[in-house]
Amino acid sequence: KTELGSEADFEDLYALSVENVASEADAQRVMETASDAASQTEMKSNISSTIADVYSQSSTASEASPSATAAILATDDSFTRHHRAARAKLFAWKSRTGRNLTVDSFGTVAAQLMKRSMELFDRDTISAAGIPGVVASYRLEVRSKLQGRNLT
């Protein structure tokens, strides 16, 4: 649904449902539905444990700071956005080939997609690279994951 480099719509990220709650039973039903949906959600990365690691493994006060947590969250957000954009482009190409159509200049366009995704990720997360320890290593891990996923 989204073009390369564009922001995802809210509907792309969440399954929404509007419910009328007129009684306690309705409220209970809505809470059960929300709980079921939350339990079926698959986390792509274990961001909470990474943040906990930053605080528990830090040897300096500067590493266990809100800026370290913000850098980890920015890294995760950037990965999600750029992975989603690349996946959308790959899906469009797959759809074309599924209809026996060609993707013009595929090699060049694919290389540009990979280069742009990595450059934008680096731009978004450059501050995380400067925070030593868990934060910088987490950024490198996520970067290599993005690079690997762009190839598939």
C-alpha atoms as a PDB file:
ATOM      1  CA  LYS A   1       0.000   0.000   0.000  1.00  0.00           C
ATOM      2  CA  THR A   2       2.875   2.378   0.621  1.00  0.00           C
ATOM      3  CA  GLU A   3       5.404   3.705  -1.857  1.00  0.00           C
ATOM      4  CA  LEU A   4       9.122   3.457  -1.207  1.00  0.00           C
ATOM      5  CA  GLY A   5      10.149   6.168   1.252  1.00  0.00           C
ATOM      6  CA  SER A   6       6.610   7.118   2.247  1.00  0.00           C
ATOM      7  CA  GLU A   7       5.104   6.845   5.685  1.00  0.00           C
ATOM      8  CA  ALA A   8       2.746   3.951   6.393  1.00  0.00           C
ATOM      9  CA  ASP A   9      -0.873   4.715   7.117  1.00  0.00           C
ATOM     10  CA  PHE A  10      -2.337   3.866  10.501  1.00  0.00           C
ATOM     11  CA  GLU A  11      -4.476   1.186   8.870  1.00  0.00           C
ATOM     12  CA  ASP A  12      -1.324  -0.485   7.476  1.00  0.00           C
ATOM     13  CA  LEU A  13      -0.023  -0.959  10.996  1.00  0.00           C
ATOM     14  CA  TYR A  14      -3.143  -1.906  12.943  1.00  0.00           C
ATOM     15  CA  ALA A  15      -6.361  -3.857  12.426  1.00  0.00           C
ATOM     16  CA  LEU A  16      -9.078  -1.505  13.622  1.00  0.00           C
ATOM     17  CA  SER A  17     -12.565  -2.277  14.807  1.00  0.00           C
ATOM     18  CA  VAL A  18     -15.135   0.177  16.163  1.00  0.00           C
ATOM     19  CA  GLU A  19     -17.327  -1.346  18.838  1.00  0.00           C
ATOM     20  CA  ASN A  20     -20.389   0.021  20.619  1.00  0.00           C
ATOM     21  CA  VAL A  21     -20.054  -0.426  24.374  1.00  0.00           C
ATOM     22  CA  ALA A  22     -23.397   0.079  26.076  1.00  0.00           C
ATOM     23  CA  SER A  23     -23.076  -2.317  28.994  1.00  0.00           C
ATOM     24  CA  GLU A  24     -20.575  -4.072  31.210  1.00  0.00           C
ATOM     25  CA  ALA A  25     -20.997  -7.222  29.114  1.00  0.00           C
ATOM     26  CA  ASP A  26     -20.110  -5.273  25.971  1.00  0.00           C
ATOM     27  CA  ALA A  27     -17.022  -3.882  27.685  1.00  0.00           C
ATOM     28  CA  GLN A  28     -15.981  -7.386  28.758  1.00  0.00           C
ATOM     29  CA  ARG A  29     -16.460  -8.695  25.198  1.00  0.00           C
ATOM     30  CA  VAL A  30     -14.358  -5.874  23.750  1.00  0.00           C
ATOM     31  CA  MET A  31     -11.598  -6.500  26.293  1.00  0.00           C
ATOM     32  CA  GLU A  32     -11.590 -10.213  25.459  1.00  0.00           C
ATOM     33  CA  THR A  33     -11.392  -9.437  21.745  1.00  0.00           C
ATOM     34  CA  ALA A  34      -8.496  -7.033  22.336  1.00  0.00           C
ATOM     35  CA  SER A  35      -6.737  -9.551  24.562  1.00  0.00           C
ATOM     36  CA  ASP A  36      -7.120 -12.290  21.944  1.00  0.00           C
ATOM     37  CA  ALA A  37      -5.764 -10.015  19.219  1.00  0.00           C
ATOM     38  CA  ALA A  38      -2.809  -8.993  21.384  1.00  0.00           C
ATOM     39  CA  SER A  39      -1.928 -12.602  22.168  1.00  0.00           C
ATOM     40  CA  GLN A  40      -1.920 -13.477  18.456  1.00  0.00           C
ATOM     41  CA  THR A  41       0.416 -10.608  17.558  1.00  0.00           C
ATOM     42  CA  GLU A  42       3.876 -11.822  16.640  1.00  0.00           C
ATOM     43  CA  MET A  43       6.748  -9.591  17.672  1.00  0.00           C
ATOM     44  CA  LYS A  44       9.404  -9.321  14.962  1.00  0.00           C
ATOM     45  CA  SER A  45      12.111  -8.433  17.434  1.00  0.00           C
ATOM     46  CA  ASN A  46      12.453  -8.586  21.161  1.00  0.00           C
ATOM     47  CA  ILE A  47      12.791  -4.853  21.732  1.00  0.00           C
ATOM     48  CA  SER A  48      11.771  -4.948  25.406  1.00  0.00           C
ATOM     49  CA  SER A  49      14.547  -7.348  26.339  1.00  0.00           C
ATOM     50  CA  THR A  50      17.053  -5.248  24.423  1.00  0.00           C
ATOM     51  CA  ILE A  51      16.011  -2.153  26.361  1.00  0.00           C
ATOM     52  CA  ALA A  52      16.215  -4.118  29.603  1.00  0.00           C
ATOM     53  CA  ASP A  53      19.703  -5.270  28.615  1.00  0.00           C
ATOM     54  CA  VAL A  54      20.785  -1.665  28.128  1.00  0.00           C
ATOM     55  CA  TYR A  55      19.834  -0.846  31.687  1.00  0.00           C
ATOM     56  CA  SER A  56      21.054  -4.055  33.319  1.00  0.00           C
ATOM     57  CA  GLN A  57      24.352  -4.456  31.439  1.00  0.00           C
ATOM     58  CA  SER A  58      25.395  -0.832  31.398  1.00  0.00           C
ATOM     59  CA  SER A  59      28.668  -0.050  33.066  1.00  0.00           C
ATOM     60  CA  THR A  60      28.328   3.726  32.841  1.00  0.00           C
ATOM     61  CA  ALA A  61      25.532   6.053  33.762  1.00  0.00           C
ATOM     62  CA  SER A  62      25.603   7.631  30.302  1.00  0.00           C
ATOM     63  CA  GLU A  63      24.678   4.345  28.620  1.00  0.00           C
ATOM     64  CA  ALA A  64      21.701   3.661  30.898  1.00  0.00           C
ATOM     65  CA  SER A  65      19.949   6.821  29.907  1.00  0.00           C
ATOM     66  CA  PRO A  66      16.754   7.790  28.169  1.00  0.00           C
ATOM     67  CA  SER A  67      18.849   8.663  25.109  1.00  0.00           C
ATOM     68  CA  ALA A  68      19.998   5.033  24.893  1.00  0.00           C
ATOM     69  CA  THR A  69      16.413   3.835  25.050  1.00  0.00           C
ATOM     70  CA  ALA A  70      15.384   6.419  22.458  1.00  0.00           C
ATOM     71  CA  ALA A  71      18.203   5.276  20.169  1.00  0.00           C
ATOM     72  CA  ILE A  72      17.072   1.647  20.413  1.00  0.00           C
ATOM     73  CA  LEU A  73      13.471   2.595  19.710  1.00  0.00           C
ATOM     74  CA  ALA A  74      14.537   4.794  16.779  1.00  0.00           C
ATOM     75  CA  THR A  75      16.555   1.894  15.387  1.00  0.00           C
ATOM     76  CA  ASP A  76      13.596  -0.455  15.669  1.00  0.00           C
ATOM     77  CA  ASP A  77      11.228   2.118  14.137  1.00  0.00           C
ATOM     78  CA  SER A  78      13.574   2.758  11.224  1.00  0.00           C
ATOM     79  CA  PHE A  79      13.956  -0.964  10.570  1.00  0.00           C
ATOM     80  CA  THR A  80      10.192  -1.422  10.521  1.00  0.00           C
ATOM     81  CA  ARG A  81       9.575   1.475   8.134  1.00  0.00           C
ATOM     82  CA  HIS A  82      12.312   0.587   5.657  1.00  0.00           C
ATOM     83  CA  HIS A  83      11.606  -3.130   5.762  1.00  0.00           C
ATOM     84  CA  ARG A  84       7.917  -2.488   5.100  1.00  0.00           C
ATOM     85  CA  ALA A  85       8.718  -0.169   2.169  1.00  0.00           C
ATOM     86  CA  ALA A  86      11.126  -2.683   0.615  1.00  0.00           C
ATOM     87  CA  ARG A  87       8.662  -5.522   1.156  1.00  0.00           C
ATOM     88  CA  ALA A  88       5.922  -3.523  -0.590  1.00  0.00           C
ATOM     89  CA  LYS A  89       8.169  -2.969  -3.597  1.00  0.00           C
ATOM     90  CA  LEU A  90       9.156  -6.644  -3.688  1.00  0.00           C
ATOM     91  CA  PHE A  91       5.496  -7.634  -3.508  1.00  0.00           C
ATOM     92  CA  ALA A  92       4.723  -5.395  -6.480  1.00  0.00           C
ATOM     93  CA  TRP A  93       7.501  -7.052  -8.467  1.00  0.00           C
ATOM     94  CA  LYS A  94       6.300 -10.501  -7.463  1.00  0.00           C
ATOM     95  CA  SER A  95       2.798  -9.581  -8.556  1.00  0.00           C
ATOM     96  CA  ARG A  96       4.080  -8.457 -11.964  1.00  0.00           C
ATOM     97  CA  THR A  97       6.069 -11.634 -12.524  1.00  0.00           C
ATOM     98  CA  GLY A  98       3.094 -13.683 -11.370  1.00  0.00           C
ATOM     99  CA  ARG A  99       1.158 -12.198 -14.304  1.00  0.00           C
ATOM    100  CA  ASN A 100       4.039 -13.092 -16.676  1.00  0.00           C
ATOM    101  CA  LEU A 101       5.150  -9.463 -16.932  1.00  0.00           C
ATOM    102  CA  THR A 102       8.733  -8.329 -16.642  1.00  0.00           C
ATOM    103  CA  VAL A 103      10.211  -5.857 -14.201  1.00  0.00           C
ATOM    104  CA  ASP A 104      12.072  -3.336 -16.330  1.00  0.00           C
ATOM    105  CA  SER A 105      15.706  -2.817 -15.287  1.00  0.00           C
ATOM    106  CA  PHE A 106      15.190  -5.156 -12.340  1.00  0.00           C
ATOM    107  CA  GLY A 107      18.867  -5.393 -11.356  1.00  0.00           C
ATOM    108  CA  THR A 108      19.380  -1.647 -11.350  1.00  0.00           C
ATOM    109  CA  VAL A 109      16.127  -0.904  -9.551  1.00  0.00           C
ATOM    110  CA  ALA A 110      16.731  -3.648  -6.981  1.00  0.00           C
ATOM    111  CA  ALA A 111      20.232  -2.336  -6.283  1.00  0.00           C
ATOM    112  CA  GLN A 112      18.815   1.180  -5.894  1.00  0.00           C
ATOM    113  CA  LEU A 113      16.157  -0.104  -3.491  1.00  0.00           C
ATOM    114  CA  MET A 114      18.796  -1.833  -1.387  1.00  0.00           C
ATOM    115  CA  LYS A 115      21.114   1.186  -1.418  1.00  0.00           C
ATOM    116  CA  ARG A 116      18.321   3.634  -0.560  1.00  0.00           C
ATOM    117  CA  SER A 117      16.963   1.464   2.249  1.00  0.00           C
ATOM    118  CA  MET A 118      20.394   1.152   3.830  1.00  0.00           C
ATOM    119  CA  GLU A 119      21.227   4.847   3.422  1.00  0.00           C
ATOM    120  CA  LEU A 120      17.941   5.936   4.987  1.00  0.00           C
ATOM    121  CA  PHE A 121      18.352   3.448   7.834  1.00  0.00           C
ATOM    122  CA  ASP A 122      21.874   4.741   8.472  1.00  0.00           C
ATOM    123  CA  ARG A 123      20.662   8.340   8.406  1.00  0.00           C
ATOM    124  CA  ASP A 124      17.859   7.559  10.861  1.00  0.00           C
ATOM    125  CA  THR A 125      20.072   5.627  13.273  1.00  0.00           C
ATOM    126  CA  ILE A 126      23.441   7.361  13.096  1.00  0.00           C
ATOM    127  CA  SER A 127      23.075   8.639  16.657  1.00  0.00           C
ATOM    128  CA  ALA A 128      22.700   5.058  17.924  1.00  0.00           C
ATOM    129  CA  ALA A 129      26.043   4.155  16.345  1.00  0.00           C
ATOM    130  CA  GLY A 130      27.744   6.631  18.670  1.00  0.00           C
ATOM    131  CA  ILE A 131      26.406   5.094  21.881  1.00  0.00           C
ATOM    132  CA  PRO A 132      28.863   2.394  22.938  1.00  0.00           C
ATOM    133  CA  GLY A 133      27.933  -1.055  24.159  1.00  0.00           C
ATOM    134  CA  VAL A 134      24.563  -2.689  23.730  1.00  0.00           C
ATOM    135  CA  VAL A 135      23.002   0.167  21.753  1.00  0.00           C
ATOM    136  CA  ALA A 136      25.625   0.253  18.990  1.00  0.00           C
ATOM    137  CA  SER A 137      25.710  -3.534  18.716  1.00  0.00           C
ATOM    138  CA  TYR A 138      21.894  -3.665  18.558  1.00  0.00           C
ATOM    139  CA  ARG A 139      21.952  -1.141  15.705  1.00  0.00           C
ATOM    140  CA  LEU A 140      24.493  -3.235  13.788  1.00  0.00           C
ATOM    141  CA  GLU A 141      22.440  -6.376  14.360  1.00  0.00           C
ATOM    142  CA  VAL A 142      19.257  -4.712  13.102  1.00  0.00           C
ATOM    143  CA  ARG A 143      21.138  -3.182  10.149  1.00  0.00           C
ATOM    144  CA  SER A 144      22.422  -6.570   9.044  1.00  0.00           C
ATOM    145  CA  LYS A 145      18.904  -7.985   9.405  1.00  0.00           C
ATOM    146  CA  LEU A 146      17.529  -5.213   7.169  1.00  0.00           C
ATOM    147  CA  GLN A 147      20.262  -5.776   4.632  1.00  0.00           C
ATOM    148  CA  GLY A 148      19.605  -9.515   4.593  1.00  0.00           C
ATOM    149  CA  ARG A 149      15.844  -9.090   4.269  1.00  0.00           C
ATOM    150  CA  ASN A 150      16.203  -6.692   1.360  1.00  0.00           C
ATOM    151  CA  LEU A 151      17.931  -9.478  -0.547  1.00  0.00           C
ATOM    152  CA  THR A 152      15.024 -11.899  -0.241  1.00  0.00           C
END
